[in-house]
């Protein structure tokens, strides 16, 4: 897109700039459509507007973060409970030690 002297004209530069902007805009639209699809697959209904999709996505991310925190807290609680069970002395199971009065002399 160069003139005969090798320099680009203002009209050509404007056209190239507009094409770059159009590609950028299309890429953003495709990404937002991808977010809408993720929300739909997660059972979250949103309006088709870009603003609604972005708002819904942010809410979904916050909900996932809260769920992750709750699951991590539950995991930590369960691990602590398991550790306390492992440390506690256990009576023998099923067998009575010799001399404990469980057998015939």
N, C-alpha and C. Protein backbone atom coordinates (compact mmCIF):
# COMPACT_ATOMS: atom_id res chain seq x y z
N UNK A 1 0.84 -1.19 0.00
CA UNK A 1 0.00 0.00 0.00
C UNK A 1 0.88 1.25 0.00
N UNK A 2 1.77 1.31 -0.96
CA UNK A 2 2.67 2.46 -1.07
C UNK A 2 2.42 3.18 -2.39
N UNK A 3 2.68 4.46 -2.38
CA UNK A 3 2.54 5.24 -3.62
C UNK A 3 3.75 5.00 -4.50
N UNK A 4 3.81 5.67 -5.64
CA UNK A 4 4.90 5.46 -6.59
C UNK A 4 6.26 5.81 -6.00
N UNK A 5 6.30 6.76 -5.08
CA UNK A 5 7.58 7.16 -4.48
C UNK A 5 7.95 6.30 -3.28
N UNK A 6 7.13 5.32 -2.90
CA UNK A 6 7.44 4.43 -1.78
C UNK A 6 6.85 4.87 -0.46
N UNK A 7 6.25 6.00 -0.37
CA UNK A 7 5.64 6.48 0.88
C UNK A 7 4.15 6.14 0.86
N UNK A 8 3.63 5.86 2.03
CA UNK A 8 2.19 5.59 2.12
C UNK A 8 1.44 6.91 2.15
N UNK A 9 0.28 6.89 1.57
CA UNK A 9 -0.55 8.10 1.57
C UNK A 9 -1.39 8.13 2.84
N UNK A 10 -1.87 9.28 3.24
CA UNK A 10 -2.74 9.35 4.42
C UNK A 10 -3.97 8.45 4.27
N UNK A 11 -4.53 8.37 3.08
CA UNK A 11 -5.71 7.53 2.87
C UNK A 11 -5.36 6.05 3.07
N UNK A 12 -4.20 5.65 2.60
CA UNK A 12 -3.77 4.26 2.76
C UNK A 12 -3.49 3.94 4.23
N UNK A 13 -2.85 4.86 4.93
CA UNK A 13 -2.59 4.66 6.36
C UNK A 13 -3.89 4.56 7.14
N UNK A 14 -4.84 5.40 6.79
CA UNK A 14 -6.15 5.37 7.44
C UNK A 14 -6.83 4.03 7.17
N UNK A 15 -6.78 3.54 5.93
CA UNK A 15 -7.39 2.26 5.58
C UNK A 15 -6.73 1.12 6.37
N UNK A 16 -5.41 1.11 6.45
CA UNK A 16 -4.70 0.07 7.21
C UNK A 16 -5.05 0.14 8.69
N UNK A 17 -5.12 1.34 9.23
CA UNK A 17 -5.49 1.52 10.64
C UNK A 17 -6.91 1.02 10.88
N UNK A 18 -7.82 1.34 9.97
CA UNK A 18 -9.21 0.87 10.10
C UNK A 18 -9.29 -0.65 10.03
N UNK A 19 -8.48 -1.27 9.16
CA UNK A 19 -8.48 -2.72 9.05
C UNK A 19 -7.94 -3.38 10.33
N UNK A 20 -6.88 -2.80 10.88
CA UNK A 20 -6.34 -3.32 12.15
C UNK A 20 -7.38 -3.22 13.25
N UNK A 21 -8.06 -2.09 13.32
CA UNK A 21 -9.09 -1.90 14.33
C UNK A 21 -10.24 -2.88 14.13
N UNK A 22 -10.61 -3.13 12.90
CA UNK A 22 -11.69 -4.09 12.60
C UNK A 22 -11.28 -5.50 13.05
N UNK A 23 -10.03 -5.90 12.79
CA UNK A 23 -9.55 -7.22 13.23
C UNK A 23 -9.56 -7.31 14.75
N UNK A 24 -9.09 -6.26 15.40
CA UNK A 24 -9.08 -6.24 16.87
C UNK A 24 -10.49 -6.35 17.43
N UNK A 25 -11.41 -5.60 16.84
CA UNK A 25 -12.80 -5.63 17.28
C UNK A 25 -13.42 -7.02 17.08
N UNK A 26 -13.11 -7.65 15.96
CA UNK A 26 -13.62 -9.00 15.69
C UNK A 26 -13.07 -10.01 16.69
N UNK A 27 -11.79 -9.88 17.02
CA UNK A 27 -11.19 -10.79 17.99
C UNK A 27 -11.85 -10.64 19.36
N UNK A 28 -12.10 -9.41 19.76
CA UNK A 28 -12.77 -9.17 21.04
C UNK A 28 -14.17 -9.77 21.03
N UNK A 29 -14.89 -9.58 19.93
CA UNK A 29 -16.24 -10.15 19.83
C UNK A 29 -16.22 -11.67 19.91
N UNK A 30 -15.24 -12.29 19.27
CA UNK A 30 -15.12 -13.75 19.32
C UNK A 30 -14.84 -14.22 20.75
N UNK A 31 -13.98 -13.51 21.45
CA UNK A 31 -13.67 -13.88 22.82
C UNK A 31 -14.89 -13.72 23.73
N UNK A 32 -15.65 -12.67 23.53
CA UNK A 32 -16.86 -12.46 24.33
C UNK A 32 -17.89 -13.54 24.02
N UNK A 33 -18.00 -13.93 22.75
CA UNK A 33 -18.89 -15.05 22.40
C UNK A 33 -18.44 -16.33 23.10
N UNK A 34 -17.13 -16.53 23.19
CA UNK A 34 -16.61 -17.69 23.92
C UNK A 34 -16.99 -17.66 25.39
N UNK A 35 -16.93 -16.48 26.00
CA UNK A 35 -17.35 -16.34 27.40
C UNK A 35 -18.83 -16.65 27.56
N UNK A 36 -19.64 -16.16 26.62
CA UNK A 36 -21.09 -16.43 26.67
C UNK A 36 -21.34 -17.93 26.60
N UNK A 37 -20.60 -18.62 25.75
CA UNK A 37 -20.76 -20.07 25.62
C UNK A 37 -20.38 -20.78 26.92
N UNK A 38 -19.29 -20.35 27.56
CA UNK A 38 -18.89 -20.95 28.83
C UNK A 38 -19.99 -20.76 29.87
N UNK A 39 -20.56 -19.56 29.91
CA UNK A 39 -21.65 -19.29 30.87
C UNK A 39 -22.86 -20.17 30.57
N UNK A 40 -23.20 -20.31 29.30
CA UNK A 40 -24.34 -21.15 28.93
C UNK A 40 -24.10 -22.60 29.33
N UNK A 41 -22.89 -23.10 29.11
CA UNK A 41 -22.55 -24.47 29.48
C UNK A 41 -22.60 -24.67 30.99
N UNK A 42 -22.38 -23.60 31.74
CA UNK A 42 -22.44 -23.66 33.20
C UNK A 42 -23.87 -23.46 33.71
N UNK A 43 -24.81 -23.28 32.78
CA UNK A 43 -26.20 -23.10 33.16
C UNK A 43 -26.55 -21.69 33.58
N UNK A 44 -25.73 -20.73 33.18
CA UNK A 44 -25.97 -19.34 33.54
C UNK A 44 -26.48 -18.61 32.31
N UNK A 45 -27.67 -18.07 32.42
CA UNK A 45 -28.29 -17.37 31.30
C UNK A 45 -27.96 -15.88 31.38
N UNK A 46 -27.46 -15.33 30.29
CA UNK A 46 -27.16 -13.90 30.24
C UNK A 46 -27.70 -13.32 28.95
N UNK A 47 -27.93 -12.02 28.98
CA UNK A 47 -28.35 -11.33 27.76
C UNK A 47 -27.19 -11.34 26.77
N UNK A 48 -27.49 -11.04 25.53
CA UNK A 48 -26.48 -11.10 24.48
C UNK A 48 -25.55 -9.89 24.46
N UNK A 49 -25.82 -8.89 25.27
CA UNK A 49 -24.97 -7.70 25.23
C UNK A 49 -23.60 -8.01 25.82
N UNK A 50 -22.59 -7.35 25.30
CA UNK A 50 -21.22 -7.56 25.78
C UNK A 50 -21.12 -7.23 27.26
N UNK A 51 -21.78 -6.17 27.67
CA UNK A 51 -21.74 -5.77 29.08
C UNK A 51 -22.32 -6.86 29.98
N UNK A 52 -23.46 -7.43 29.59
CA UNK A 52 -24.08 -8.49 30.39
C UNK A 52 -23.20 -9.73 30.45
N UNK A 53 -22.57 -10.05 29.34
CA UNK A 53 -21.69 -11.22 29.30
C UNK A 53 -20.49 -11.01 30.21
N UNK A 54 -19.89 -9.84 30.17
CA UNK A 54 -18.74 -9.56 31.02
C UNK A 54 -19.14 -9.54 32.50
N UNK A 55 -20.29 -8.95 32.80
CA UNK A 55 -20.77 -8.92 34.18
C UNK A 55 -21.06 -10.34 34.67
N UNK A 56 -21.73 -11.14 33.84
CA UNK A 56 -22.02 -12.53 34.21
C UNK A 56 -20.75 -13.34 34.41
N UNK A 57 -19.76 -13.09 33.58
CA UNK A 57 -18.49 -13.80 33.70
C UNK A 57 -17.80 -13.45 35.01
N UNK A 58 -17.79 -12.17 35.35
CA UNK A 58 -17.17 -11.74 36.61
C UNK A 58 -17.89 -12.38 37.81
N UNK A 59 -19.22 -12.42 37.77
CA UNK A 59 -19.99 -13.03 38.86
C UNK A 59 -19.68 -14.53 38.95
N UNK A 60 -19.59 -15.18 37.80
CA UNK A 60 -19.29 -16.62 37.77
C UNK A 60 -17.91 -16.89 38.36
N UNK A 61 -16.93 -16.07 38.01
CA UNK A 61 -15.58 -16.24 38.55
C UNK A 61 -15.59 -16.07 40.06
N UNK A 62 -16.31 -15.05 40.55
CA UNK A 62 -16.39 -14.85 42.01
C UNK A 62 -17.05 -16.04 42.69
N UNK A 63 -18.10 -16.60 42.08
CA UNK A 63 -18.77 -17.76 42.66
C UNK A 63 -17.83 -18.97 42.69
N UNK A 64 -17.06 -19.15 41.62
CA UNK A 64 -16.09 -20.25 41.59
C UNK A 64 -15.01 -20.06 42.65
N UNK A 65 -14.56 -18.82 42.84
CA UNK A 65 -13.55 -18.54 43.86
C UNK A 65 -14.10 -18.85 45.26
N UNK A 66 -15.35 -18.48 45.50
CA UNK A 66 -15.96 -18.75 46.81
C UNK A 66 -16.10 -20.26 47.03
N UNK A 67 -16.49 -20.97 45.98
CA UNK A 67 -16.63 -22.43 46.09
C UNK A 67 -15.28 -23.07 46.35
N UNK A 68 -14.24 -22.60 45.66
CA UNK A 68 -12.91 -23.13 45.87
C UNK A 68 -12.45 -22.90 47.31
N UNK A 69 -12.70 -21.70 47.83
CA UNK A 69 -12.31 -21.39 49.20
C UNK A 69 -13.04 -22.30 50.19
N UNK A 70 -14.33 -22.53 49.95
CA UNK A 70 -15.11 -23.40 50.84
C UNK A 70 -14.59 -24.83 50.77
N UNK A 71 -14.27 -25.31 49.59
CA UNK A 71 -13.75 -26.67 49.44
C UNK A 71 -12.37 -26.81 50.09
N UNK A 72 -11.54 -25.79 49.96
CA UNK A 72 -10.22 -25.84 50.60
C UNK A 72 -10.36 -25.84 52.11
N UNK A 73 -11.31 -25.06 52.62
CA UNK A 73 -11.55 -25.02 54.06
C UNK A 73 -12.04 -26.39 54.55
N UNK A 74 -12.94 -26.99 53.81
CA UNK A 74 -13.45 -28.32 54.16
C UNK A 74 -12.31 -29.36 54.12
N UNK A 75 -11.47 -29.27 53.11
CA UNK A 75 -10.32 -30.18 52.99
C UNK A 75 -9.40 -30.02 54.19
N UNK A 76 -9.10 -28.78 54.55
CA UNK A 76 -8.22 -28.53 55.70
C UNK A 76 -8.84 -29.08 56.99
N UNK A 77 -10.14 -28.89 57.14
CA UNK A 77 -10.83 -29.41 58.33
C UNK A 77 -10.74 -30.93 58.38
N UNK A 78 -10.95 -31.57 57.24
CA UNK A 78 -10.91 -33.03 57.19
C UNK A 78 -9.49 -33.56 57.45
N UNK A 79 -8.49 -32.88 56.89
CA UNK A 79 -7.11 -33.29 57.14
C UNK A 79 -6.77 -33.16 58.62
N UNK A 80 -7.19 -32.08 59.25
CA UNK A 80 -6.94 -31.89 60.68
C UNK A 80 -7.63 -32.98 61.49
N UNK A 81 -8.84 -33.34 61.10
CA UNK A 81 -9.57 -34.40 61.80
C UNK A 81 -8.85 -35.74 61.62
N UNK A 82 -8.36 -36.00 60.42
CA UNK A 82 -7.63 -37.25 60.18
C UNK A 82 -6.36 -37.30 61.01
N UNK A 83 -5.66 -36.18 61.11
CA UNK A 83 -4.43 -36.13 61.90
C UNK A 83 -4.72 -36.39 63.38
N UNK A 84 -5.82 -35.83 63.87
CA UNK A 84 -6.17 -36.03 65.28
C UNK A 84 -6.54 -37.49 65.54
N UNK A 85 -7.13 -38.15 64.57
CA UNK A 85 -7.48 -39.57 64.72
C UNK A 85 -6.21 -40.41 64.70
N UNK A 86 -5.25 -40.07 63.84
CA UNK A 86 -4.00 -40.81 63.74
C UNK A 86 -3.18 -40.70 65.01
N UNK A 87 -3.25 -39.57 65.69
CA UNK A 87 -2.44 -39.33 66.88
C UNK A 87 -3.07 -39.97 68.12
N UNK A 88 -4.38 -40.07 68.15
CA UNK A 88 -5.08 -40.60 69.33
C UNK A 88 -4.72 -42.08 69.52
N UNK A 89 -4.52 -42.50 70.78
CA UNK A 89 -4.21 -43.91 71.03
C UNK A 89 -5.42 -44.78 70.68
N UNK A 90 -5.15 -45.89 70.04
CA UNK A 90 -6.22 -46.80 69.65
C UNK A 90 -6.15 -48.07 70.49
N UNK A 91 -7.29 -48.50 71.02
CA UNK A 91 -7.30 -49.79 71.71
C UNK A 91 -7.16 -50.90 70.67
N UNK A 92 -6.57 -52.03 71.04
CA UNK A 92 -6.44 -53.12 70.07
C UNK A 92 -7.82 -53.60 69.62
N UNK A 93 -7.90 -53.99 68.37
CA UNK A 93 -9.19 -54.44 67.84
C UNK A 93 -9.16 -55.95 67.64
N UNK A 94 -10.21 -56.62 68.09
CA UNK A 94 -10.41 -58.02 67.79
C UNK A 94 -9.55 -58.99 68.59
N UNK A 95 -8.49 -58.51 69.14
CA UNK A 95 -7.61 -59.39 69.91
C UNK A 95 -7.43 -58.82 71.31
N UNK A 96 -7.47 -59.71 72.27
CA UNK A 96 -7.22 -59.31 73.65
C UNK A 96 -5.80 -59.74 73.99
N UNK A 97 -4.98 -58.82 74.45
CA UNK A 97 -3.59 -59.19 74.78
C UNK A 97 -3.56 -60.30 75.84
N UNK A 98 -2.52 -61.15 75.75
CA UNK A 98 -2.37 -62.23 76.74
C UNK A 98 -2.29 -61.67 78.15
N UNK A 99 -2.92 -62.36 79.05
CA UNK A 99 -2.90 -61.92 80.44
C UNK A 99 -3.91 -60.84 80.73
N UNK A 100 -4.76 -60.52 79.75
CA UNK A 100 -5.76 -59.47 79.99
C UNK A 100 -7.05 -60.05 80.47
N UNK A 101 -7.07 -61.36 80.73
CA UNK A 101 -8.27 -61.97 81.30
C UNK A 101 -9.28 -62.41 80.27
N UNK A 102 -8.91 -62.44 79.03
CA UNK A 102 -9.87 -62.83 78.03
C UNK A 102 -9.85 -64.28 77.68
N UNK A 103 -8.86 -65.03 78.16
CA UNK A 103 -8.76 -66.44 77.78
C UNK A 103 -8.84 -67.36 78.98
N UNK A 104 -8.70 -68.64 78.75
CA UNK A 104 -8.72 -69.65 79.83
C UNK A 104 -7.29 -69.80 80.35
N UNK A 105 -7.12 -69.83 81.69
CA UNK A 105 -5.78 -69.92 82.26
C UNK A 105 -5.12 -71.25 82.01
